[in-house]
Amino acid sequence: SGAQTRWDAAFQFECPGSQVIRRVSSVHCNRAEDRVWKFGCGSVPGLSRFFWSGWINDYDGVMNFQCPFNAIITGLRSEHNNGREDRRWNVKCSRKRGIQTYNCALTPYANSLDGDMNYSVSSGYYMRGLHSFHSNKQE
């Protein structure tokens, strides 16, 4: 799968330099009841003033987050809980002087509960937020 993470393990991914997350892919494993992840980045010259969110979801809860202050997503941090068979997440948001986000759009879900995910941000757009939910039936 070319994953950059390991089953059941915590990870932190940050795009280098002045780059943002442009691609997210993951594969689910029923035995581990977890996903491994791979991220791709794209250039946005002039990014600065980054900050990390706190935890944006609880285990077994809904994740519904947008970077504030017209910031866009440049990194992700996650840890897995084997008892809950779920992950919780932090988001690294970065700003560019003078940038203003507008025409924000919520995409359809990028995967089914146990399905693979291959998501690419559309040209002219940036990833500013994340939404997900957890199902105890299909962990």
C-alpha atoms as a PDB file:
ATOM      1  CA  SER A   1       0.000   0.000   0.000  1.00  0.00           C
ATOM      2  CA  GLY A   2       3.040   2.289   0.343  1.00  0.00           C
ATOM      3  CA  ALA A   3       1.704   3.412   3.719  1.00  0.00           C
ATOM      4  CA  GLN A   4       3.637   5.948   5.779  1.00  0.00           C
ATOM      5  CA  THR A   5       2.137   4.701   9.063  1.00  0.00           C
ATOM      6  CA  ARG A   6       1.786   1.376  10.923  1.00  0.00           C
ATOM      7  CA  TRP A   7      -1.268  -0.474  12.240  1.00  0.00           C
ATOM      8  CA  ASP A   8      -2.259   0.535  15.805  1.00  0.00           C
ATOM      9  CA  ALA A   9       0.626   3.032  16.056  1.00  0.00           C
ATOM     10  CA  ALA A  10       0.633   6.754  16.763  1.00  0.00           C
ATOM     11  CA  PHE A  11       1.995   8.965  13.996  1.00  0.00           C
ATOM     12  CA  GLN A  12       2.671  12.556  13.060  1.00  0.00           C
ATOM     13  CA  PHE A  13       2.846  13.721   9.451  1.00  0.00           C
ATOM     14  CA  GLU A  14       3.790  17.246   8.387  1.00  0.00           C
ATOM     15  CA  CYS A  15       4.189  18.514   4.858  1.00  0.00           C
ATOM     16  CA  PRO A  16       7.671  19.975   4.393  1.00  0.00           C
ATOM     17  CA  GLY A  17       8.324  23.680   3.924  1.00  0.00           C
ATOM     18  CA  SER A  18       5.541  25.688   2.353  1.00  0.00           C
ATOM     19  CA  GLN A  19       3.324  22.736   1.382  1.00  0.00           C
ATOM     20  CA  VAL A  20      -0.208  21.575   2.202  1.00  0.00           C
ATOM     21  CA  ILE A  21      -1.850  18.148   2.221  1.00  0.00           C
ATOM     22  CA  ARG A  22      -3.231  17.424  -1.269  1.00  0.00           C
ATOM     23  CA  ARG A  23      -3.773  13.639  -1.131  1.00  0.00           C
ATOM     24  CA  VAL A  24      -4.926  11.224   1.564  1.00  0.00           C
ATOM     25  CA  SER A  25      -5.157   7.478   1.097  1.00  0.00           C
ATOM     26  CA  SER A  26      -5.750   4.682   3.576  1.00  0.00           C
ATOM     27  CA  VAL A  27      -6.373   0.956   3.742  1.00  0.00           C
ATOM     28  CA  HIS A  28      -8.411  -0.769   6.469  1.00  0.00           C
ATOM     29  CA  CYS A  29      -7.442  -4.096   8.065  1.00  0.00           C
ATOM     30  CA  ASN A  30     -10.166  -6.120   9.820  1.00  0.00           C
ATOM     31  CA  ARG A  31      -7.634  -8.028  11.945  1.00  0.00           C
ATOM     32  CA  ALA A  32      -6.010  -4.840  13.303  1.00  0.00           C
ATOM     33  CA  GLU A  33      -9.297  -2.895  13.143  1.00  0.00           C
ATOM     34  CA  ASP A  34      -7.264   0.090  12.046  1.00  0.00           C
ATOM     35  CA  ARG A  35      -6.084   1.916   8.954  1.00  0.00           C
ATOM     36  CA  VAL A  36      -2.646   2.678   7.595  1.00  0.00           C
ATOM     37  CA  TRP A  37      -2.255   6.064   5.955  1.00  0.00           C
ATOM     38  CA  LYS A  38      -0.336   7.762   3.160  1.00  0.00           C
ATOM     39  CA  PHE A  39      -0.276  11.508   2.510  1.00  0.00           C
ATOM     40  CA  GLY A  40       0.856  13.667  -0.394  1.00  0.00           C
ATOM     41  CA  CYS A  41       1.695  17.364  -0.355  1.00  0.00           C
ATOM     42  CA  GLY A  42       1.607  20.261  -2.797  1.00  0.00           C
ATOM     43  CA  SER A  43       3.276  23.654  -2.800  1.00  0.00           C
ATOM     44  CA  VAL A  44       1.652  26.856  -1.519  1.00  0.00           C
ATOM     45  CA  PRO A  45       4.364  29.545  -1.422  1.00  0.00           C
ATOM     46  CA  GLY A  46       4.347  31.864   1.563  1.00  0.00           C
ATOM     47  CA  LEU A  47       2.714  29.648   4.187  1.00  0.00           C
ATOM     48  CA  SER A  48       3.605  30.563   7.738  1.00  0.00           C
ATOM     49  CA  ARG A  49       2.121  30.948  11.190  1.00  0.00           C
ATOM     50  CA  PHE A  50       1.242  27.323  11.834  1.00  0.00           C
ATOM     51  CA  PHE A  51      -0.529  25.979  14.902  1.00  0.00           C
ATOM     52  CA  TRP A  52      -1.734  22.598  16.121  1.00  0.00           C
ATOM     53  CA  SER A  53      -5.326  21.982  17.188  1.00  0.00           C
ATOM     54  CA  GLY A  54      -6.131  20.086  20.340  1.00  0.00           C
ATOM     55  CA  TRP A  55      -7.803  16.707  19.927  1.00  0.00           C
ATOM     56  CA  ILE A  56     -10.588  17.232  17.392  1.00  0.00           C
ATOM     57  CA  ASN A  57     -12.527  14.071  18.275  1.00  0.00           C
ATOM     58  CA  ASP A  58     -13.055  11.623  21.108  1.00  0.00           C
ATOM     59  CA  TYR A  59     -12.713   7.884  20.609  1.00  0.00           C
ATOM     60  CA  ASP A  60     -15.990   6.500  19.196  1.00  0.00           C
ATOM     61  CA  GLY A  61     -17.131  10.062  18.468  1.00  0.00           C
ATOM     62  CA  VAL A  62     -17.766  12.306  15.500  1.00  0.00           C
ATOM     63  CA  MET A  63     -14.954  14.384  14.014  1.00  0.00           C
ATOM     64  CA  ASN A  64     -16.096  17.701  12.547  1.00  0.00           C
ATOM     65  CA  PHE A  65     -13.281  20.274  12.358  1.00  0.00           C
ATOM     66  CA  GLN A  66     -12.291  23.306  10.302  1.00  0.00           C
ATOM     67  CA  CYS A  67      -9.037  25.209  10.661  1.00  0.00           C
ATOM     68  CA  PRO A  68      -9.898  28.689  11.947  1.00  0.00           C
ATOM     69  CA  PHE A  69      -8.458  32.008  10.730  1.00  0.00           C
ATOM     70  CA  ASN A  70      -8.534  31.060   7.006  1.00  0.00           C
ATOM     71  CA  ALA A  71      -5.871  28.427   7.672  1.00  0.00           C
ATOM     72  CA  ILE A  72      -5.418  25.213   5.664  1.00  0.00           C
ATOM     73  CA  ILE A  73      -4.269  21.724   6.683  1.00  0.00           C
ATOM     74  CA  THR A  74      -0.524  21.034   6.530  1.00  0.00           C
ATOM     75  CA  GLY A  75      -0.180  18.145   8.970  1.00  0.00           C
ATOM     76  CA  LEU A  76      -1.947  15.456  10.974  1.00  0.00           C
ATOM     77  CA  ARG A  77      -1.201  13.667  14.222  1.00  0.00           C
ATOM     78  CA  SER A  78      -3.094  10.597  15.402  1.00  0.00           C
ATOM     79  CA  GLU A  79      -3.078   7.899  18.044  1.00  0.00           C
ATOM     80  CA  HIS A  80      -4.954   4.591  18.106  1.00  0.00           C
ATOM     81  CA  ASN A  81      -6.699   3.003  21.101  1.00  0.00           C
ATOM     82  CA  ASN A  82      -6.953  -0.799  20.879  1.00  0.00           C
ATOM     83  CA  GLY A  83      -9.717  -0.972  23.495  1.00  0.00           C
ATOM     84  CA  ARG A  84     -11.897   1.412  21.501  1.00  0.00           C
ATOM     85  CA  GLU A  85     -10.494   0.380  18.090  1.00  0.00           C
ATOM     86  CA  ASP A  86     -10.555   4.007  17.027  1.00  0.00           C
ATOM     87  CA  ARG A  87      -8.240   6.950  16.437  1.00  0.00           C
ATOM     88  CA  ARG A  88      -8.231  10.473  17.715  1.00  0.00           C
ATOM     89  CA  TRP A  89      -6.664  13.307  15.756  1.00  0.00           C
ATOM     90  CA  ASN A  90      -4.834  16.654  15.931  1.00  0.00           C
ATOM     91  CA  VAL A  91      -4.581  18.916  12.879  1.00  0.00           C
ATOM     92  CA  LYS A  92      -1.739  21.247  11.935  1.00  0.00           C
ATOM     93  CA  CYS A  93      -3.209  24.383  10.373  1.00  0.00           C
ATOM     94  CA  SER A  94      -1.109  26.976   8.520  1.00  0.00           C
ATOM     95  CA  ARG A  95      -1.872  30.468   7.308  1.00  0.00           C
ATOM     96  CA  LYS A  96      -0.657  32.569   4.432  1.00  0.00           C
ATOM     97  CA  ARG A  97      -0.665  36.329   4.786  1.00  0.00           C
ATOM     98  CA  GLY A  98      -3.552  37.761   2.782  1.00  0.00           C
ATOM     99  CA  ILE A  99      -5.202  34.424   1.973  1.00  0.00           C
ATOM    100  CA  GLN A 100      -8.942  34.211   2.525  1.00  0.00           C
ATOM    101  CA  THR A 101     -10.828  30.955   2.187  1.00  0.00           C
ATOM    102  CA  TYR A 102     -14.145  31.098   0.326  1.00  0.00           C
ATOM    103  CA  ASN A 103     -16.389  28.824  -1.776  1.00  0.00           C
ATOM    104  CA  CYS A 104     -15.781  26.098   0.810  1.00  0.00           C
ATOM    105  CA  ALA A 105     -17.368  22.790  -0.168  1.00  0.00           C
ATOM    106  CA  LEU A 106     -18.099  19.604   1.743  1.00  0.00           C
ATOM    107  CA  THR A 107     -17.205  16.606  -0.421  1.00  0.00           C
ATOM    108  CA  PRO A 108     -19.087  13.312  -0.324  1.00  0.00           C
ATOM    109  CA  TYR A 109     -17.566  10.660   1.942  1.00  0.00           C
ATOM    110  CA  ALA A 110     -14.290   9.451   0.439  1.00  0.00           C
ATOM    111  CA  ASN A 111     -14.653   5.833   1.590  1.00  0.00           C
ATOM    112  CA  SER A 112     -17.014   3.265   3.060  1.00  0.00           C
ATOM    113  CA  LEU A 113     -16.465   2.150   6.661  1.00  0.00           C
ATOM    114  CA  ASP A 114     -14.067  -0.720   5.882  1.00  0.00           C
ATOM    115  CA  GLY A 115     -13.194   0.453   2.366  1.00  0.00           C
ATOM    116  CA  ASP A 116     -10.022   1.895   0.899  1.00  0.00           C
ATOM    117  CA  MET A 117      -9.725   5.648   0.590  1.00  0.00           C
ATOM    118  CA  ASN A 118      -7.971   7.565  -2.186  1.00  0.00           C
ATOM    119  CA  TYR A 119      -8.807  11.250  -1.899  1.00  0.00           C
ATOM    120  CA  SER A 120      -7.207  14.098  -3.839  1.00  0.00           C
ATOM    121  CA  VAL A 121      -8.036  17.742  -3.266  1.00  0.00           C
ATOM    122  CA  SER A 122      -9.544  19.285  -6.397  1.00  0.00           C
ATOM    123  CA  SER A 123      -7.478  21.816  -8.330  1.00  0.00           C
ATOM    124  CA  GLY A 124      -7.974  25.335  -7.011  1.00  0.00           C
ATOM    125  CA  TYR A 125      -9.077  24.073  -3.577  1.00  0.00           C
ATOM    126  CA  TYR A 126      -7.317  23.383  -0.277  1.00  0.00           C
ATOM    127  CA  MET A 127      -8.171  21.039   2.544  1.00  0.00           C
ATOM    128  CA  ARG A 128      -9.424  23.157   5.422  1.00  0.00           C
ATOM    129  CA  GLY A 129     -11.427  20.682   7.466  1.00  0.00           C
ATOM    130  CA  LEU A 130     -12.206  17.061   8.227  1.00  0.00           C
ATOM    131  CA  HIS A 131     -15.386  15.142   8.961  1.00  0.00           C
ATOM    132  CA  SER A 132     -15.683  11.515  10.015  1.00  0.00           C
ATOM    133  CA  PHE A 133     -17.615   9.210  12.300  1.00  0.00           C
ATOM    134  CA  HIS A 134     -16.895   5.876  13.958  1.00  0.00           C
ATOM    135  CA  SER A 135     -19.062   2.749  13.896  1.00  0.00           C
ATOM    136  CA  ASN A 136     -18.623   0.200  16.694  1.00  0.00           C
ATOM    137  CA  LYS A 137     -20.369  -2.371  14.478  1.00  0.00           C
ATOM    138  CA  GLN A 138     -17.790  -1.947  11.687  1.00  0.00           C
ATOM    139  CA  GLU A 139     -14.681  -0.960  13.556  1.00  0.00           C
END
